[in-house]
Amino acid sequence: MSDTSSLIQKYNIPAPRYTSYPTVPLWENNLENFQWHDLVSKAFQDFGKEEGISIYIHLPFCESLCTYCGCNKRITKNNAVKDPYIQALLAEWAQYKEIFNGSPKIAGIHLGGGTPTFFEPSYLKYLIETILEDAEINPNAEFSFEGHPNNTTYEHLKTLNDLGFNRVSYGIQDFDVQVQTAIHRIQPFEKVKYATDSARILGYTSINYDLIFGLPHQTLQTMEATFRKVQELRPERIAFYSYAHLPSAFPSQKSFESFLPTATEKTELYEFGRALLVEMGYEEVGMDHFALPNDALTLAKNDGVLHRNFMGYTTLPSKILIGLGASSINDIYYAYAQNEKSIGKYEALVNQNIFAIQKGHVLTELDISTRQVILDLICKKQAVIPLEISEKLSENQIDSLKEMEKDGLITTTKNQILVSEIGMKVIRNVCSQLDLRLGNNEAKKSLFSKTI
């Protein structure tokens, strides 16, 4: 094992993914409906009018279960679920429009899932057209959606493109048949090629593939075969994720538990896959994300304006992300809120004109400062650590930072931390040493997946 692999193994411990700070399990759940209304209004006045708002729409339905999946979803082939859910989404959007008191400016829309292409193009057209009624669209707005290659049709792509969508993400995971069979996600290369070629013909400017390492039956040989097929299609972006094995939360993962790679093998898969991506001409934008040199994400990284939110890395400047749908998460700078995960409860609440919030968190001034430090580390590979944070670090966190510096993961100069190339591979663990809410809470740490 190389020295780098040994270091990765050393720091391959559970840590948050830091799509937010505080991370979701550490939220204080202290949000009432009236509070949320007032906080959204304040955020919109402070940021939304000028920057615009981003919208995440969760479409949770899938026709079959992918056994590796950790998303909130409902498996069904029942078409009767579609119309009530679309109407609930629009009822929730009406709640927010009332707060905005006028024509909101839209900076971006993302359709996530589940499987958004579970819905026919006519449903998606009606949904987006209604949301965009009386709304202003930013000139540089980014509209994107997640598509399943098996059911993303040319009509889906054209309908959404006509509505302004220019980015699409396909969940590939792996092209090996044995791996696909184990995770119950069979999608032939020809299907992926058709979905990719169709998007390009229609003028989509950015195509992303999700790829996962650490899946059952994966080997260096199968990974190389997958990546050579990816190279043939050459998407602009690639998200190269670590498989998160949490069978206590997602029982379907137990079905292939005995076929998972060992920790050492998983590290080798990561190192090998990352090297292949670089060889193929992709640049590492940040944690899990790679893009071609001329892609907007790479350019944003180079210009120091890259951002990260619940959807991952983004170029959108908006500080407000409104989440619509069951389990969707809102980020309005001053607070977070997550909707009810139960589709039935979500629909019932929004149809009564009640915000369907299950849990939330109002950020303190210290939270806001800490969030900025973690965002800077993840997006810019460096951060200035304010005194109010450094003086609250635990003894264990301080010792861990010193050890990380000794191991070459970081460099500290006075109140600044610089992250090395090796350090970026375990950046989640670097960030956790600045996480004042996680600290030494071993019980909370057990809620998260390992870095690799």
Protein backbone atom coordinates (compact mmCIF):
# COMPACT_ATOMS: atom_id res chain seq x y z
CA MET A 1 0.00 0.00 0.00
CA SER A 2 1.34 3.46 -0.90
CA ASP A 3 1.99 6.14 1.73
CA THR A 4 -0.98 8.10 0.38
CA SER A 5 -3.27 5.08 0.65
CA SER A 6 -2.07 4.48 4.20
CA LEU A 7 -2.92 8.06 5.13
CA ILE A 8 -6.36 7.77 3.57
CA GLN A 9 -6.94 4.57 5.53
CA LYS A 10 -5.86 6.32 8.73
CA TYR A 11 -8.40 9.09 8.24
CA ASN A 12 -11.12 6.84 6.82
CA ILE A 13 -13.49 7.46 9.73
CA PRO A 14 -17.11 8.63 9.88
CA ALA A 15 -17.65 12.33 9.15
CA PRO A 16 -20.44 14.54 7.77
CA ARG A 17 -20.60 15.37 4.05
CA TYR A 18 -21.07 19.05 4.94
CA THR A 19 -23.82 19.97 2.52
CA SER A 20 -24.79 22.19 5.44
CA TYR A 21 -23.40 23.41 8.74
CA PRO A 22 -24.61 22.40 11.23
CA THR A 23 -25.13 19.06 9.52
CA VAL A 24 -28.71 17.72 9.57
CA PRO A 25 -28.44 15.28 12.55
CA LEU A 26 -27.20 18.18 14.71
CA TRP A 27 -30.06 20.56 13.98
CA GLU A 28 -31.92 21.76 17.05
CA ASN A 29 -35.44 21.28 15.64
CA ASN A 30 -36.66 24.56 17.05
CA LEU A 31 -38.71 25.94 14.16
CA GLU A 32 -42.39 26.83 14.31
CA ASN A 33 -44.43 27.79 11.24
CA PHE A 34 -44.61 31.47 12.16
CA GLN A 35 -40.84 31.57 12.74
CA TRP A 36 -40.19 30.03 9.34
CA HIS A 37 -42.51 32.55 7.66
CA ASP A 38 -40.67 35.48 9.26
CA LEU A 39 -37.20 34.08 8.54
CA VAL A 40 -38.04 33.43 4.88
CA SER A 41 -39.39 36.97 4.59
CA LYS A 42 -36.24 38.44 6.13
CA ALA A 43 -33.93 36.37 3.90
CA PHE A 44 -35.90 37.31 0.80
CA GLN A 45 -35.69 41.01 1.64
CA ASP A 46 -31.96 40.78 2.45
CA PHE A 47 -30.84 38.56 -0.44
CA GLY A 48 -33.62 37.20 -2.63
CA LYS A 49 -34.75 40.40 -4.29
CA GLU A 50 -31.29 41.07 -5.70
CA GLU A 51 -29.69 37.61 -6.10
CA GLY A 52 -32.86 35.68 -6.77
CA ILE A 53 -33.77 32.32 -5.29
CA SER A 54 -32.93 28.75 -6.22
CA ILE A 55 -35.59 26.05 -6.09
CA TYR A 56 -35.07 22.35 -5.40
CA ILE A 57 -38.08 20.15 -6.23
CA HIS A 58 -38.09 16.62 -4.83
CA LEU A 59 -39.94 14.08 -6.98
CA PRO A 60 -39.65 10.96 -4.81
CA PHE A 61 -41.25 8.21 -6.91
CA CYS A 62 -39.35 5.30 -8.49
CA GLU A 63 -40.74 2.31 -10.39
CA SER A 64 -38.22 -0.11 -8.85
CA LEU A 65 -35.88 -0.16 -5.88
CA CYS A 66 -32.13 0.36 -6.36
CA THR A 67 -30.88 -1.55 -3.32
CA TYR A 68 -27.83 0.67 -2.70
CA CYS A 69 -29.89 3.87 -2.58
CA GLY A 70 -30.06 6.11 0.50
CA CYS A 71 -32.50 8.66 -0.94
CA ASN A 72 -36.02 9.29 0.30
CA LYS A 73 -38.26 7.55 -2.22
CA ARG A 74 -41.49 5.63 -2.74
CA ILE A 75 -41.49 2.60 -5.01
CA THR A 76 -44.67 2.47 -7.10
CA LYS A 77 -46.06 2.09 -10.59
CA ASN A 78 -49.36 3.66 -9.61
CA ASN A 79 -50.12 6.64 -11.86
CA ALA A 80 -52.74 7.87 -9.39
CA VAL A 81 -50.01 9.30 -7.13
CA LYS A 82 -48.85 11.82 -9.73
CA ASP A 83 -51.55 14.47 -9.85
CA PRO A 84 -52.03 14.86 -6.05
CA TYR A 85 -48.29 15.25 -5.58
CA ILE A 86 -47.92 17.86 -8.34
CA GLN A 87 -50.84 19.81 -6.86
CA ALA A 88 -49.22 19.66 -3.41
CA LEU A 89 -45.95 21.01 -4.82
CA LEU A 90 -47.82 23.94 -6.35
CA ALA A 91 -49.74 24.56 -3.12
CA GLU A 92 -46.42 24.73 -1.25
CA TRP A 93 -44.98 27.09 -3.87
CA ALA A 94 -48.05 29.33 -3.42
CA GLN A 95 -47.18 29.60 0.30
CA TYR A 96 -43.75 30.94 -0.59
CA LYS A 97 -45.03 33.27 -3.31
CA GLU A 98 -47.29 34.85 -0.73
CA ILE A 99 -44.23 35.64 1.40
CA PHE A 100 -42.32 37.02 -1.61
CA ASN A 101 -45.26 39.37 -2.23
CA GLY A 102 -44.64 39.82 -5.91
CA SER A 103 -42.66 38.32 -8.76
CA PRO A 104 -39.73 36.32 -7.38
CA LYS A 105 -36.48 36.28 -9.32
CA ILE A 106 -35.44 32.71 -10.15
CA ALA A 107 -31.69 31.93 -10.12
CA GLY A 108 -32.04 28.20 -10.66
CA ILE A 109 -34.30 25.15 -10.54
CA HIS A 110 -33.26 21.56 -9.91
CA LEU A 111 -35.53 18.53 -10.18
CA GLY A 112 -34.25 15.74 -7.93
CA GLY A 113 -35.49 12.38 -6.78
CA GLY A 114 -36.41 9.63 -6.60
CA THR A 115 -36.78 9.66 -10.35
CA PRO A 116 -38.08 12.94 -11.83
CA THR A 117 -38.60 11.21 -15.18
CA PHE A 118 -41.13 8.95 -13.43
CA PHE A 119 -43.47 11.81 -14.42
CA GLU A 120 -44.49 12.17 -18.06
CA PRO A 121 -43.26 15.32 -19.83
CA SER A 122 -46.77 16.86 -19.66
CA TYR A 123 -46.71 16.76 -15.83
CA LEU A 124 -43.26 18.37 -15.70
CA LYS A 125 -44.29 21.03 -18.21
CA TYR A 126 -47.37 21.94 -16.16
CA LEU A 127 -45.32 22.02 -12.93
CA ILE A 128 -42.54 24.25 -14.24
CA GLU A 129 -44.79 26.57 -16.24
CA THR A 130 -46.95 27.17 -13.17
CA ILE A 131 -43.94 27.86 -10.96
CA LEU A 132 -42.55 30.32 -13.49
CA GLU A 133 -45.83 32.24 -13.77
CA ASP A 134 -45.27 35.86 -12.63
CA ALA A 135 -41.60 35.06 -11.99
CA GLU A 136 -38.52 36.76 -13.38
CA ILE A 137 -35.71 34.49 -14.56
CA ASN A 138 -32.11 35.59 -14.02
CA PRO A 139 -30.14 35.87 -17.29
CA ASN A 140 -27.58 33.33 -15.99
CA ALA A 141 -30.14 31.00 -14.37
CA GLU A 142 -29.30 27.28 -14.28
CA PHE A 143 -32.12 24.77 -14.70
CA SER A 144 -31.16 21.12 -14.21
CA PHE A 145 -32.72 17.74 -13.56
CA GLU A 146 -31.82 14.19 -12.62
CA GLY A 147 -32.75 11.59 -15.21
CA HIS A 148 -32.78 7.81 -15.18
CA PRO A 149 -31.22 6.68 -18.50
CA ASN A 150 -33.79 3.89 -18.81
CA ASN A 151 -36.81 6.19 -18.87
CA THR A 152 -35.51 9.62 -19.88
CA THR A 153 -37.07 10.04 -23.30
CA TYR A 154 -36.29 12.49 -26.08
CA GLU A 155 -39.63 14.09 -25.27
CA HIS A 156 -38.62 14.56 -21.61
CA LEU A 157 -35.40 16.24 -22.69
CA LYS A 158 -37.05 18.44 -25.31
CA THR A 159 -39.93 19.53 -23.06
CA LEU A 160 -37.57 20.54 -20.27
CA ASN A 161 -35.11 22.16 -22.67
CA ASP A 162 -37.94 24.28 -24.09
CA LEU A 163 -38.61 25.43 -20.52
CA GLY A 164 -35.00 26.54 -20.03
CA PHE A 165 -33.32 23.39 -18.71
CA ASN A 166 -29.75 23.09 -19.98
CA ARG A 167 -28.17 20.65 -17.50
CA VAL A 168 -28.94 16.99 -16.84
CA SER A 169 -27.46 14.45 -14.44
CA TYR A 170 -27.65 10.70 -15.02
CA GLY A 171 -27.19 8.20 -12.21
CA ILE A 172 -24.86 5.70 -13.88
CA GLN A 173 -23.13 4.26 -10.77
CA ASP A 174 -21.36 1.45 -12.71
CA PHE A 175 -21.59 -0.21 -16.13
CA ASP A 176 -20.59 -3.72 -14.99
CA VAL A 177 -23.52 -6.14 -15.34
CA GLN A 178 -22.68 -8.09 -12.16
CA VAL A 179 -22.49 -4.87 -10.13
CA GLN A 180 -25.71 -3.56 -11.70
CA THR A 181 -27.49 -6.83 -10.91
CA ALA A 182 -26.38 -6.75 -7.27
CA ILE A 183 -27.65 -3.17 -6.74
CA HIS A 184 -30.78 -3.80 -8.84
CA ARG A 185 -30.06 -1.04 -11.35
CA ILE A 186 -29.75 -2.54 -14.82
CA GLN A 187 -29.10 0.11 -17.47
CA PRO A 188 -27.31 -0.92 -20.67
CA PHE A 189 -24.62 1.31 -22.16
CA GLU A 190 -26.83 1.85 -25.22
CA LYS A 191 -29.55 3.43 -23.03
CA VAL A 192 -27.04 5.80 -21.45
CA LYS A 193 -25.58 6.69 -24.85
CA TYR A 194 -29.04 7.44 -26.25
CA ALA A 195 -29.94 9.66 -23.27
CA THR A 196 -26.59 11.46 -23.52
CA ASP A 197 -26.66 11.92 -27.30
CA SER A 198 -30.27 13.13 -27.18
CA ALA A 199 -29.40 15.79 -24.61
CA ARG A 200 -26.48 17.01 -26.72
CA ILE A 201 -28.58 17.13 -29.91
CA LEU A 202 -31.12 19.31 -28.09
CA GLY A 203 -28.45 21.72 -26.86
CA TYR A 204 -27.88 20.76 -23.22
CA THR A 205 -24.61 22.43 -22.26
CA SER A 206 -23.67 20.24 -19.31
CA ILE A 207 -24.18 16.53 -18.68
CA ASN A 208 -23.19 14.94 -15.37
CA TYR A 209 -22.68 11.27 -14.54
CA ASP A 210 -22.91 9.97 -10.98
CA LEU A 211 -20.40 7.15 -10.41
CA ILE A 212 -19.97 5.23 -7.15
CA PHE A 213 -16.99 3.36 -5.75
CA GLY A 214 -17.26 0.66 -3.09
CA LEU A 215 -20.21 -1.18 -4.61
CA PRO A 216 -20.54 -5.00 -4.42
CA HIS A 217 -18.36 -6.96 -6.88
CA GLN A 218 -16.41 -3.88 -7.97
CA THR A 219 -12.77 -4.49 -8.83
CA LEU A 220 -10.04 -2.38 -10.41
CA GLN A 221 -10.71 -4.19 -13.69
CA THR A 222 -14.47 -3.57 -13.69
CA MET A 223 -13.94 0.05 -12.71
CA GLU A 224 -11.51 0.61 -15.57
CA ALA A 225 -14.02 -0.91 -18.01
CA THR A 226 -16.73 1.42 -16.68
CA PHE A 227 -14.50 4.48 -16.95
CA ARG A 228 -13.49 3.65 -20.53
CA LYS A 229 -17.18 3.65 -21.45
CA VAL A 230 -17.59 6.96 -19.63
CA GLN A 231 -14.61 8.30 -21.58
CA GLU A 232 -16.34 7.39 -24.83
CA LEU A 233 -19.36 9.54 -23.91
CA ARG A 234 -17.33 12.25 -22.13
CA PRO A 235 -19.83 14.03 -19.88
CA GLU A 236 -18.82 17.54 -18.79
CA ARG A 237 -19.06 16.67 -15.09
CA ILE A 238 -18.61 13.57 -12.96
CA ALA A 239 -19.60 13.05 -9.34
CA PHE A 240 -17.45 10.20 -8.00
CA TYR A 241 -19.08 9.20 -4.72
CA SER A 242 -18.18 6.79 -1.97
CA TYR A 243 -20.88 4.19 -1.42
CA ALA A 244 -22.35 4.81 2.04
CA HIS A 245 -23.17 1.49 3.68
CA LEU A 246 -25.81 2.15 6.34
CA PRO A 247 -27.97 -1.01 6.42
CA SER A 248 -29.60 -0.05 9.73
CA ALA A 249 -31.14 2.93 7.94
CA PHE A 250 -31.57 1.27 4.53
CA PRO A 251 -32.28 -2.47 5.03
CA SER A 252 -32.14 -3.24 1.29
CA GLN A 253 -28.36 -2.77 1.49
CA LYS A 254 -28.11 -6.01 3.49
CA SER A 255 -28.83 -7.98 0.30
CA PHE A 256 -25.27 -7.61 -1.00
CA GLU A 257 -23.34 -7.02 2.23
CA SER A 258 -21.09 -10.08 1.82
CA PHE A 259 -19.92 -8.92 -1.64
CA LEU A 260 -18.66 -5.46 -0.67
CA PRO A 261 -14.97 -4.62 -1.12
CA THR A 262 -12.84 -4.46 2.02
CA ALA A 263 -11.77 -1.06 3.39
CA THR A 264 -8.37 -1.48 1.75
CA GLU A 265 -9.92 -2.48 -1.58
CA LYS A 266 -12.31 0.47 -1.42
CA THR A 267 -9.39 2.86 -0.90
CA GLU A 268 -7.66 1.31 -3.92
CA LEU A 269 -10.82 1.76 -6.00
CA TYR A 270 -10.97 5.43 -5.02
CA GLU A 271 -7.32 6.10 -5.79
CA PHE A 272 -7.53 4.20 -9.08
CA GLY A 273 -10.76 5.90 -10.18
CA ARG A 274 -9.47 9.34 -9.31
CA ALA A 275 -6.26 8.73 -11.29
CA LEU A 276 -8.31 7.54 -14.29
CA LEU A 277 -10.45 10.69 -14.21
CA VAL A 278 -7.37 12.91 -14.19
CA GLU A 279 -5.89 10.86 -17.03
CA MET A 280 -9.15 11.36 -18.96
CA GLY A 281 -8.76 15.15 -18.68
CA TYR A 282 -11.04 15.92 -15.74
CA GLU A 283 -10.03 18.33 -12.99
CA GLU A 284 -10.92 17.77 -9.35
CA VAL A 285 -13.27 20.61 -8.48
CA GLY A 286 -13.75 19.61 -4.87
CA MET A 287 -14.98 16.81 -2.66
CA ASP A 288 -16.39 14.05 -4.94
CA HIS A 289 -16.70 16.35 -7.98
CA PHE A 290 -14.74 16.44 -11.25
CA ALA A 291 -15.28 18.51 -14.39
CA LEU A 292 -13.67 19.24 -17.74
CA PRO A 293 -11.36 22.31 -17.82
CA ASN A 294 -13.84 24.56 -19.64
CA ASP A 295 -16.88 23.61 -17.54
CA ALA A 296 -18.51 26.32 -15.44
CA LEU A 297 -17.71 24.45 -12.20
CA THR A 298 -14.00 24.33 -13.01
CA LEU A 299 -13.99 27.99 -14.01
CA ALA A 300 -15.80 28.92 -10.78
CA LYS A 301 -13.23 26.99 -8.76
CA ASN A 302 -10.38 28.76 -10.56
CA ASP A 303 -12.04 32.14 -10.00
CA GLY A 304 -12.64 31.45 -6.30
CA VAL A 305 -16.44 31.73 -6.54
CA LEU A 306 -17.41 28.07 -6.15
CA HIS A 307 -20.23 27.39 -3.66
CA ARG A 308 -21.69 24.28 -2.05
CA ASN A 309 -25.21 23.55 -0.84
CA PHE A 310 -27.56 20.59 -0.36
CA MET A 311 -27.32 19.77 -4.07
CA GLY A 312 -23.50 19.68 -4.04
CA TYR A 313 -21.10 22.13 -5.69
CA THR A 314 -22.71 24.93 -7.64
CA THR A 315 -21.93 28.21 -9.39
CA LEU A 316 -25.22 29.79 -8.31
CA PRO A 317 -24.74 32.89 -6.16
CA SER A 318 -28.15 32.76 -4.46
CA LYS A 319 -28.15 32.47 -0.66
CA ILE A 320 -31.73 31.19 -0.70
CA LEU A 321 -32.60 27.62 -1.66
CA ILE A 322 -36.29 26.81 -1.39
CA GLY A 323 -37.04 23.09 -1.19
CA LEU A 324 -40.41 21.89 -2.45
CA GLY A 325 -41.71 18.38 -1.88
CA ALA A 326 -41.55 15.60 0.69
CA SER A 327 -38.19 15.52 2.56
CA SER A 328 -36.88 18.58 0.67
CA ILE A 329 -34.44 20.80 2.53
CA ASN A 330 -34.53 24.61 2.58
CA ASP A 331 -31.48 26.81 3.13
CA ILE A 332 -32.33 30.49 3.64
CA TYR A 333 -28.95 31.57 5.08
CA TYR A 334 -30.40 32.32 8.54
CA ALA A 335 -32.02 28.91 8.99
CA TYR A 336 -32.56 25.43 7.56
CA ALA A 337 -35.77 23.43 7.40
CA GLN A 338 -36.59 19.95 6.16
CA ASN A 339 -40.05 18.90 5.04
CA GLU A 340 -41.97 15.86 6.23
CA LYS A 341 -40.55 12.68 4.71
CA SER A 342 -43.94 10.98 4.57
CA ILE A 343 -45.60 11.88 1.27
CA GLY A 344 -49.07 11.57 2.82
CA LYS A 345 -48.25 13.88 5.75
CA TYR A 346 -46.53 16.35 3.43
CA GLU A 347 -49.52 16.55 1.07
CA ALA A 348 -52.00 16.89 3.96
CA LEU A 349 -50.11 19.79 5.57
CA VAL A 350 -49.46 21.89 2.47
CA ASN A 351 -53.05 21.41 1.34
CA GLN A 352 -54.05 23.03 4.65
CA ASN A 353 -51.72 25.95 3.89
CA ILE A 354 -49.31 24.83 6.62
CA PHE A 355 -45.57 24.60 6.05
CA ALA A 356 -44.76 20.88 6.08
CA ILE A 357 -41.65 21.28 8.22
CA GLN A 358 -40.48 18.20 10.09
CA LYS A 359 -37.33 19.71 11.60
CA GLY A 360 -35.16 22.78 11.30
CA HIS A 361 -32.40 24.89 12.74
CA VAL A 362 -31.96 28.63 13.27
CA LEU A 363 -28.28 29.50 12.93
CA THR A 364 -26.45 31.41 15.63
CA GLU A 365 -23.79 33.98 14.74
CA LEU A 366 -21.18 31.36 15.65
CA ASP A 367 -22.90 28.84 13.35
CA ILE A 368 -22.73 31.33 10.48
CA SER A 369 -19.01 31.96 11.08
CA THR A 370 -18.26 28.24 11.32
CA ARG A 371 -20.28 27.51 8.17
CA GLN A 372 -18.17 30.03 6.25
CA VAL A 373 -14.94 28.42 7.44
CA ILE A 374 -16.12 24.96 6.36
CA LEU A 375 -17.38 26.27 2.99
CA ASP A 376 -14.03 27.97 2.37
CA LEU A 377 -12.13 24.77 3.16
CA ILE A 378 -14.35 22.67 0.86
CA CYS A 379 -14.54 25.19 -1.98
CA LYS A 380 -11.25 27.12 -1.79
CA LYS A 381 -8.94 24.68 0.06
CA GLN A 382 -8.13 27.35 2.61
CA ALA A 383 -9.83 29.32 5.36
CA VAL A 384 -9.16 31.99 7.96
CA ILE A 385 -10.19 30.72 11.40
CA PRO A 386 -11.74 33.50 13.52
CA LEU A 387 -10.75 33.70 17.16
CA GLU A 388 -14.29 32.94 18.34
CA ILE A 389 -13.97 29.53 16.66
CA SER A 390 -10.36 28.64 17.45
CA GLU A 391 -10.81 29.37 21.16
CA LYS A 392 -13.77 26.96 21.34
CA LEU A 393 -12.06 23.96 19.72
CA SER A 394 -11.72 20.96 22.01
CA GLU A 395 -8.34 19.64 23.06
CA ASN A 396 -8.90 16.58 20.86
CA GLN A 397 -9.71 18.75 17.83
CA ILE A 398 -6.57 20.84 18.34
CA ASP A 399 -4.44 17.70 18.69
CA SER A 400 -6.05 16.21 15.56
CA LEU A 401 -5.27 19.35 13.55
CA LYS A 402 -1.65 19.19 14.70
CA GLU A 403 -1.46 15.54 13.63
CA MET A 404 -3.04 16.37 10.27
CA GLU A 405 -0.37 19.00 9.74
CA LYS A 406 2.33 16.51 10.66
CA ASP A 407 0.85 14.06 8.13
CA GLY A 408 0.89 16.70 5.38
CA LEU A 409 -2.88 17.10 5.08
CA ILE A 410 -2.91 20.77 6.07
CA THR A 411 -0.59 23.69 6.68
CA THR A 412 -1.38 26.23 9.38
CA THR A 413 -0.07 29.81 9.44
CA LYS A 414 -1.27 31.93 12.35
CA ASN A 415 -5.06 31.86 11.97
CA GLN A 416 -5.18 30.26 8.51
CA ILE A 417 -5.48 26.65 7.32
CA LEU A 418 -4.36 25.54 3.85
CA VAL A 419 -5.43 22.09 2.63
CA SER A 420 -3.00 20.00 0.59
CA GLU A 421 -3.92 17.77 -2.35
CA ILE A 422 -3.82 14.74 -0.06
CA GLY A 423 -5.85 16.62 2.53
CA MET A 424 -8.62 17.25 0.00
CA LYS A 425 -9.12 13.49 -0.25
CA VAL A 426 -10.22 13.45 3.39
CA ILE A 427 -11.52 17.03 3.55
CA ARG A 428 -14.63 15.90 5.43
CA ASN A 429 -12.41 14.89 8.34
CA VAL A 430 -10.43 18.13 8.18
CA CYS A 431 -13.71 20.06 8.39
CA SER A 432 -14.91 17.96 11.32
CA GLN A 433 -12.02 19.31 13.40
CA LEU A 434 -13.53 22.79 13.03
CA ASP A 435 -17.07 21.56 13.70
CA LEU A 436 -18.02 23.04 17.06
CA ARG A 437 -21.32 21.18 17.24
CA LEU A 438 -19.87 17.76 16.44
CA GLY A 439 -16.79 18.14 18.62
CA ASN A 440 -16.06 14.97 20.55
CA ASN A 441 -19.58 13.59 20.32
CA GLU A 442 -18.82 9.99 19.41
CA ALA A 443 -22.50 9.01 19.43
CA LYS A 444 -23.26 11.63 16.78
CA LYS A 445 -20.21 10.70 14.71
CA SER A 446 -21.57 7.17 14.37
CA LEU A 447 -24.50 8.59 12.33
CA PHE A 448 -22.23 9.38 9.38
CA SER A 449 -20.61 7.28 6.69
CA LYS A 450 -16.84 6.93 6.44
CA THR A 451 -14.81 9.35 4.33
CA ILE A 452 -13.83 6.68 1.78
